[in-house]
N, C-alpha and C. Protein backbone atom coordinates (compact mmCIF):
# COMPACT_ATOMS: atom_id res chain seq x y z
N MET A 1 135.63 44.63 65.09
CA MET A 1 135.39 44.68 66.52
C MET A 1 135.93 43.39 67.14
N ASN A 2 136.79 43.52 68.12
CA ASN A 2 137.36 42.38 68.85
C ASN A 2 136.34 41.79 69.80
N GLN A 3 136.39 40.50 69.96
CA GLN A 3 135.51 39.84 70.93
C GLN A 3 136.14 40.01 72.32
N GLN A 4 135.46 40.72 73.20
CA GLN A 4 135.95 41.02 74.55
C GLN A 4 135.56 39.95 75.55
N HIS A 5 134.44 39.30 75.33
CA HIS A 5 133.87 38.38 76.32
C HIS A 5 133.92 36.94 75.78
N LYS A 6 135.14 36.42 75.59
CA LYS A 6 135.29 35.10 74.99
C LYS A 6 134.70 33.98 75.83
N ASN A 7 134.91 34.00 77.16
CA ASN A 7 134.35 32.92 77.98
C ASN A 7 132.85 33.03 78.12
N LEU A 8 132.31 34.23 78.00
CA LEU A 8 130.84 34.37 78.01
C LEU A 8 130.26 33.80 76.73
N ALA A 9 130.92 34.08 75.63
CA ALA A 9 130.46 33.57 74.34
C ALA A 9 130.52 32.07 74.27
N ALA A 10 131.44 31.47 75.02
CA ALA A 10 131.63 30.02 75.00
C ALA A 10 130.47 29.28 75.69
N GLY A 11 129.57 29.97 76.32
CA GLY A 11 128.43 29.28 76.89
C GLY A 11 127.94 29.81 78.21
N ARG A 12 128.79 30.50 78.95
CA ARG A 12 128.38 30.98 80.27
C ARG A 12 127.26 32.02 80.18
N TRP A 13 127.23 32.77 79.09
CA TRP A 13 126.22 33.81 78.93
C TRP A 13 124.82 33.22 78.92
N LYS A 14 124.68 32.05 78.32
CA LYS A 14 123.37 31.43 78.20
C LYS A 14 122.83 30.93 79.54
N GLU A 15 123.69 30.81 80.54
CA GLU A 15 123.26 30.39 81.87
C GLU A 15 122.58 31.55 82.62
N LEU A 16 122.83 32.76 82.21
CA LEU A 16 122.22 33.93 82.85
C LEU A 16 120.76 34.07 82.39
N SER A 17 119.94 34.62 83.26
CA SER A 17 118.55 34.90 82.88
C SER A 17 118.56 36.08 81.89
N PHE A 18 117.45 36.23 81.20
CA PHE A 18 117.30 37.36 80.27
C PHE A 18 117.54 38.69 81.00
N PHE A 19 116.97 38.81 82.18
CA PHE A 19 117.13 40.06 82.95
C PHE A 19 118.58 40.32 83.34
N GLU A 20 119.29 39.27 83.72
CA GLU A 20 120.71 39.41 84.05
C GLU A 20 121.52 39.79 82.81
N GLN A 21 121.19 39.19 81.68
CA GLN A 21 121.88 39.54 80.45
C GLN A 21 121.69 41.01 80.12
N MET A 22 120.45 41.46 80.16
CA MET A 22 120.17 42.85 79.83
C MET A 22 120.75 43.82 80.85
N ALA A 23 120.78 43.44 82.13
CA ALA A 23 121.41 44.28 83.15
C ALA A 23 122.91 44.45 82.86
N ASN A 24 123.54 43.39 82.38
CA ASN A 24 124.95 43.48 82.02
C ASN A 24 125.18 44.36 80.82
N VAL A 25 124.29 44.27 79.84
CA VAL A 25 124.37 45.17 78.68
C VAL A 25 124.23 46.61 79.19
N GLY A 26 123.30 46.82 80.06
CA GLY A 26 123.07 48.16 80.62
C GLY A 26 124.27 48.69 81.37
N SER A 27 125.01 47.83 82.04
CA SER A 27 126.22 48.28 82.75
C SER A 27 127.24 48.82 81.76
N GLU A 28 127.36 48.16 80.62
CA GLU A 28 128.31 48.65 79.61
C GLU A 28 127.81 49.96 78.97
N VAL A 29 126.52 50.05 78.81
CA VAL A 29 125.95 51.34 78.29
C VAL A 29 126.21 52.44 79.28
N GLU A 30 126.03 52.15 80.56
CA GLU A 30 126.31 53.15 81.60
C GLU A 30 127.78 53.57 81.58
N ARG A 31 128.70 52.61 81.42
CA ARG A 31 130.11 52.94 81.29
C ARG A 31 130.38 53.81 80.06
N THR A 32 129.71 53.49 78.97
CA THR A 32 129.84 54.29 77.76
C THR A 32 129.49 55.76 78.05
N ILE A 33 128.39 55.96 78.72
CA ILE A 33 127.93 57.32 79.03
C ILE A 33 128.90 58.03 79.99
N ARG A 34 129.31 57.31 81.02
CA ARG A 34 130.23 57.92 81.98
C ARG A 34 131.56 58.34 81.35
N TRP A 35 132.13 57.49 80.53
CA TRP A 35 133.41 57.81 79.88
C TRP A 35 133.21 58.94 78.88
N LYS A 36 132.08 58.96 78.22
CA LYS A 36 131.78 60.05 77.29
C LYS A 36 131.69 61.38 78.02
N ASP A 37 131.03 61.37 79.19
CA ASP A 37 130.92 62.57 80.02
C ASP A 37 132.28 63.03 80.56
N LYS A 38 133.21 62.09 80.71
CA LYS A 38 134.56 62.44 81.17
C LYS A 38 135.49 62.76 80.01
N HIS A 39 134.93 62.84 78.81
CA HIS A 39 135.67 63.18 77.60
C HIS A 39 136.79 62.20 77.27
N ASN A 40 136.50 60.93 77.54
CA ASN A 40 137.48 59.87 77.19
C ASN A 40 136.83 59.03 76.09
N ALA A 41 137.03 59.49 74.86
CA ALA A 41 136.38 58.84 73.70
C ALA A 41 136.83 57.42 73.51
N ASP A 42 138.08 57.11 73.80
CA ASP A 42 138.59 55.75 73.58
C ASP A 42 137.89 54.76 74.52
N TYR A 43 137.86 55.06 75.81
CA TYR A 43 137.21 54.16 76.78
C TYR A 43 135.68 54.08 76.51
N SER A 44 135.10 55.21 76.11
CA SER A 44 133.68 55.21 75.81
C SER A 44 133.38 54.30 74.62
N GLN A 45 134.23 54.37 73.60
CA GLN A 45 134.04 53.53 72.41
C GLN A 45 134.19 52.05 72.77
N LYS A 46 135.18 51.73 73.59
CA LYS A 46 135.39 50.33 73.98
C LYS A 46 134.21 49.80 74.79
N ALA A 47 133.67 50.60 75.68
CA ALA A 47 132.50 50.19 76.47
C ALA A 47 131.29 50.02 75.55
N PHE A 48 131.15 50.87 74.57
CA PHE A 48 130.05 50.77 73.61
C PHE A 48 130.17 49.47 72.80
N GLU A 49 131.37 49.16 72.37
CA GLU A 49 131.58 47.89 71.64
C GLU A 49 131.25 46.67 72.50
N ARG A 50 131.63 46.74 73.78
CA ARG A 50 131.31 45.63 74.68
C ARG A 50 129.78 45.51 74.87
N ALA A 51 129.10 46.65 74.93
CA ALA A 51 127.64 46.63 75.09
C ALA A 51 126.99 45.96 73.88
N LEU A 52 127.46 46.32 72.67
CA LEU A 52 126.91 45.70 71.46
C LEU A 52 127.23 44.20 71.44
N GLU A 53 128.42 43.84 71.86
CA GLU A 53 128.80 42.43 71.88
C GLU A 53 127.91 41.64 72.83
N LEU A 54 127.66 42.17 74.02
CA LEU A 54 126.78 41.48 74.95
C LEU A 54 125.36 41.41 74.43
N LEU A 55 124.92 42.48 73.78
CA LEU A 55 123.59 42.48 73.19
C LEU A 55 123.50 41.42 72.09
N ASP A 56 124.55 41.29 71.29
CA ASP A 56 124.56 40.26 70.25
C ASP A 56 124.51 38.86 70.85
N LEU A 57 125.21 38.64 71.97
CA LEU A 57 125.15 37.34 72.65
C LEU A 57 123.74 37.07 73.16
N THR A 58 123.08 38.11 73.64
CA THR A 58 121.71 37.99 74.13
C THR A 58 120.76 37.66 72.95
N ILE A 59 120.98 38.30 71.83
CA ILE A 59 120.17 38.05 70.64
C ILE A 59 120.37 36.61 70.17
N ALA A 60 121.56 36.11 70.28
CA ALA A 60 121.89 34.75 69.80
C ALA A 60 121.38 33.64 70.73
N ASP A 61 121.06 34.02 71.97
CA ASP A 61 120.60 33.02 72.96
C ASP A 61 119.22 32.55 72.59
N GLU A 62 119.08 31.22 72.43
CA GLU A 62 117.78 30.63 71.98
C GLU A 62 116.63 30.92 72.90
N LYS A 63 116.88 31.09 74.19
CA LYS A 63 115.77 31.31 75.12
C LYS A 63 115.12 32.69 74.90
N ASN A 64 115.79 33.54 74.17
CA ASN A 64 115.28 34.89 73.96
C ASN A 64 114.58 35.09 72.62
N THR A 65 114.23 34.02 71.93
CA THR A 65 113.63 34.14 70.61
C THR A 65 112.29 34.91 70.63
N LYS A 66 111.55 34.76 71.69
CA LYS A 66 110.26 35.50 71.77
C LYS A 66 110.48 37.01 71.96
N ARG A 67 111.68 37.37 72.38
CA ARG A 67 112.00 38.78 72.58
C ARG A 67 112.85 39.35 71.45
N LEU A 68 113.03 38.60 70.41
CA LEU A 68 113.93 38.96 69.33
C LEU A 68 113.60 40.30 68.71
N ARG A 69 112.30 40.58 68.52
CA ARG A 69 111.90 41.84 67.92
C ARG A 69 112.37 43.02 68.77
N GLU A 70 112.14 42.95 70.06
CA GLU A 70 112.57 44.03 70.95
C GLU A 70 114.08 44.15 70.96
N LEU A 71 114.77 43.01 71.05
CA LEU A 71 116.23 43.03 71.12
C LEU A 71 116.87 43.64 69.87
N LEU A 72 116.32 43.28 68.71
CA LEU A 72 116.84 43.84 67.47
C LEU A 72 116.56 45.32 67.36
N ARG A 73 115.41 45.74 67.87
CA ARG A 73 115.08 47.17 67.89
C ARG A 73 116.01 47.92 68.81
N VAL A 74 116.29 47.35 69.96
CA VAL A 74 117.23 47.97 70.93
C VAL A 74 118.58 48.11 70.27
N ARG A 75 119.05 47.04 69.60
CA ARG A 75 120.36 47.09 68.96
C ARG A 75 120.41 48.18 67.91
N GLU A 76 119.36 48.27 67.11
CA GLU A 76 119.28 49.30 66.07
C GLU A 76 119.35 50.70 66.68
N ALA A 77 118.56 50.93 67.70
CA ALA A 77 118.53 52.25 68.33
C ALA A 77 119.85 52.57 69.06
N LEU A 78 120.44 51.57 69.68
CA LEU A 78 121.71 51.76 70.37
C LEU A 78 122.83 52.09 69.39
N ALA A 79 122.88 51.36 68.27
CA ALA A 79 123.88 51.64 67.27
C ALA A 79 123.67 53.04 66.66
N ASP A 80 122.41 53.41 66.45
CA ASP A 80 122.11 54.75 65.93
C ASP A 80 122.57 55.80 66.91
N TYR A 81 122.34 55.57 68.17
CA TYR A 81 122.76 56.51 69.22
C TYR A 81 124.28 56.64 69.32
N GLY A 82 124.98 55.51 69.26
CA GLY A 82 126.43 55.53 69.51
C GLY A 82 127.29 55.79 68.29
N VAL A 83 126.78 55.46 67.10
CA VAL A 83 127.65 55.53 65.93
C VAL A 83 127.09 56.42 64.83
N PHE A 84 125.78 56.39 64.65
CA PHE A 84 125.20 57.05 63.50
C PHE A 84 124.61 58.42 63.88
N ASP A 85 123.56 58.84 63.21
CA ASP A 85 123.02 60.20 63.35
C ASP A 85 122.01 60.40 64.45
N ASN A 86 121.75 59.38 65.26
CA ASN A 86 120.76 59.45 66.34
C ASN A 86 119.42 59.94 65.85
N ILE A 87 118.93 59.29 64.78
CA ILE A 87 117.64 59.67 64.21
C ILE A 87 116.48 59.39 65.17
N TYR A 88 116.70 58.48 66.13
CA TYR A 88 115.64 58.16 67.10
C TYR A 88 115.67 59.14 68.29
N LYS A 89 116.61 60.06 68.27
CA LYS A 89 116.73 61.09 69.31
C LYS A 89 116.88 60.50 70.74
N SER A 90 117.66 59.42 70.84
CA SER A 90 117.93 58.82 72.13
C SER A 90 118.79 59.76 72.98
N THR A 91 118.59 59.69 74.27
CA THR A 91 119.42 60.49 75.20
C THR A 91 120.05 59.54 76.20
N ASN A 92 121.04 60.07 76.91
CA ASN A 92 121.67 59.26 77.98
C ASN A 92 120.60 58.81 78.97
N GLN A 93 119.72 59.72 79.35
CA GLN A 93 118.68 59.41 80.31
C GLN A 93 117.74 58.30 79.81
N ASN A 94 117.39 58.36 78.52
CA ASN A 94 116.54 57.29 77.94
C ASN A 94 117.17 55.91 78.16
N TRP A 95 118.46 55.81 77.83
CA TRP A 95 119.14 54.51 77.94
C TRP A 95 119.29 54.08 79.40
N GLN A 96 119.59 55.05 80.28
CA GLN A 96 119.72 54.70 81.69
C GLN A 96 118.39 54.22 82.26
N ASN A 97 117.31 54.86 81.90
CA ASN A 97 115.98 54.44 82.37
C ASN A 97 115.61 53.06 81.82
N TYR A 98 115.89 52.83 80.56
CA TYR A 98 115.53 51.56 79.93
C TYR A 98 116.23 50.39 80.65
N PHE A 99 117.52 50.53 80.85
CA PHE A 99 118.27 49.42 81.43
C PHE A 99 118.12 49.30 82.96
N LEU A 100 117.74 50.36 83.61
CA LEU A 100 117.54 50.33 85.07
C LEU A 100 116.48 49.31 85.44
N ALA A 101 115.43 49.20 84.65
CA ALA A 101 114.37 48.23 84.92
C ALA A 101 114.91 46.80 84.93
N PHE A 102 115.88 46.51 84.06
CA PHE A 102 116.46 45.16 84.02
C PHE A 102 117.30 44.89 85.26
N ASN A 103 117.95 45.92 85.78
CA ASN A 103 118.72 45.76 87.02
C ASN A 103 117.80 45.36 88.18
N PHE A 104 116.67 46.03 88.27
CA PHE A 104 115.70 45.69 89.34
C PHE A 104 115.18 44.27 89.15
N ALA A 105 114.80 43.95 87.94
CA ALA A 105 114.24 42.60 87.67
C ALA A 105 115.26 41.52 87.92
N ALA A 106 116.50 41.75 87.57
CA ALA A 106 117.55 40.74 87.80
C ALA A 106 117.77 40.54 89.28
N ARG A 107 117.70 41.58 90.07
CA ARG A 107 117.91 41.46 91.53
C ARG A 107 116.74 40.74 92.20
N ILE A 108 115.54 40.95 91.71
CA ILE A 108 114.36 40.26 92.26
C ILE A 108 114.44 38.76 92.08
N ASN A 109 114.98 38.34 90.94
CA ASN A 109 115.06 36.92 90.59
C ASN A 109 116.18 36.16 91.32
N ILE A 110 117.04 36.87 92.00
CA ILE A 110 118.19 36.20 92.66
C ILE A 110 117.75 35.59 93.98
């Protein structure tokens, strides 16, 4: 997997609040779903990889250590949904609902 967000990984990502980080992950998940619905597997896969990359940056951010359990569970379920057998039975709507809350929280904090 290529690193898509090099300048974010260099430190800018850590300046964002947890809610902003998760809202950005959610944006990539939303793009994944939209491209999948439009039957563009290549763009959907690239958006999915970016979502995982941003989630990994969020996991690596020291300020999020208290949320590590949730973040790792989200990563596991997201990978299962996008690549594996979807044993957790995730749906597009589940992911959209989960990340929508972070969009609201990020906007409140601005």
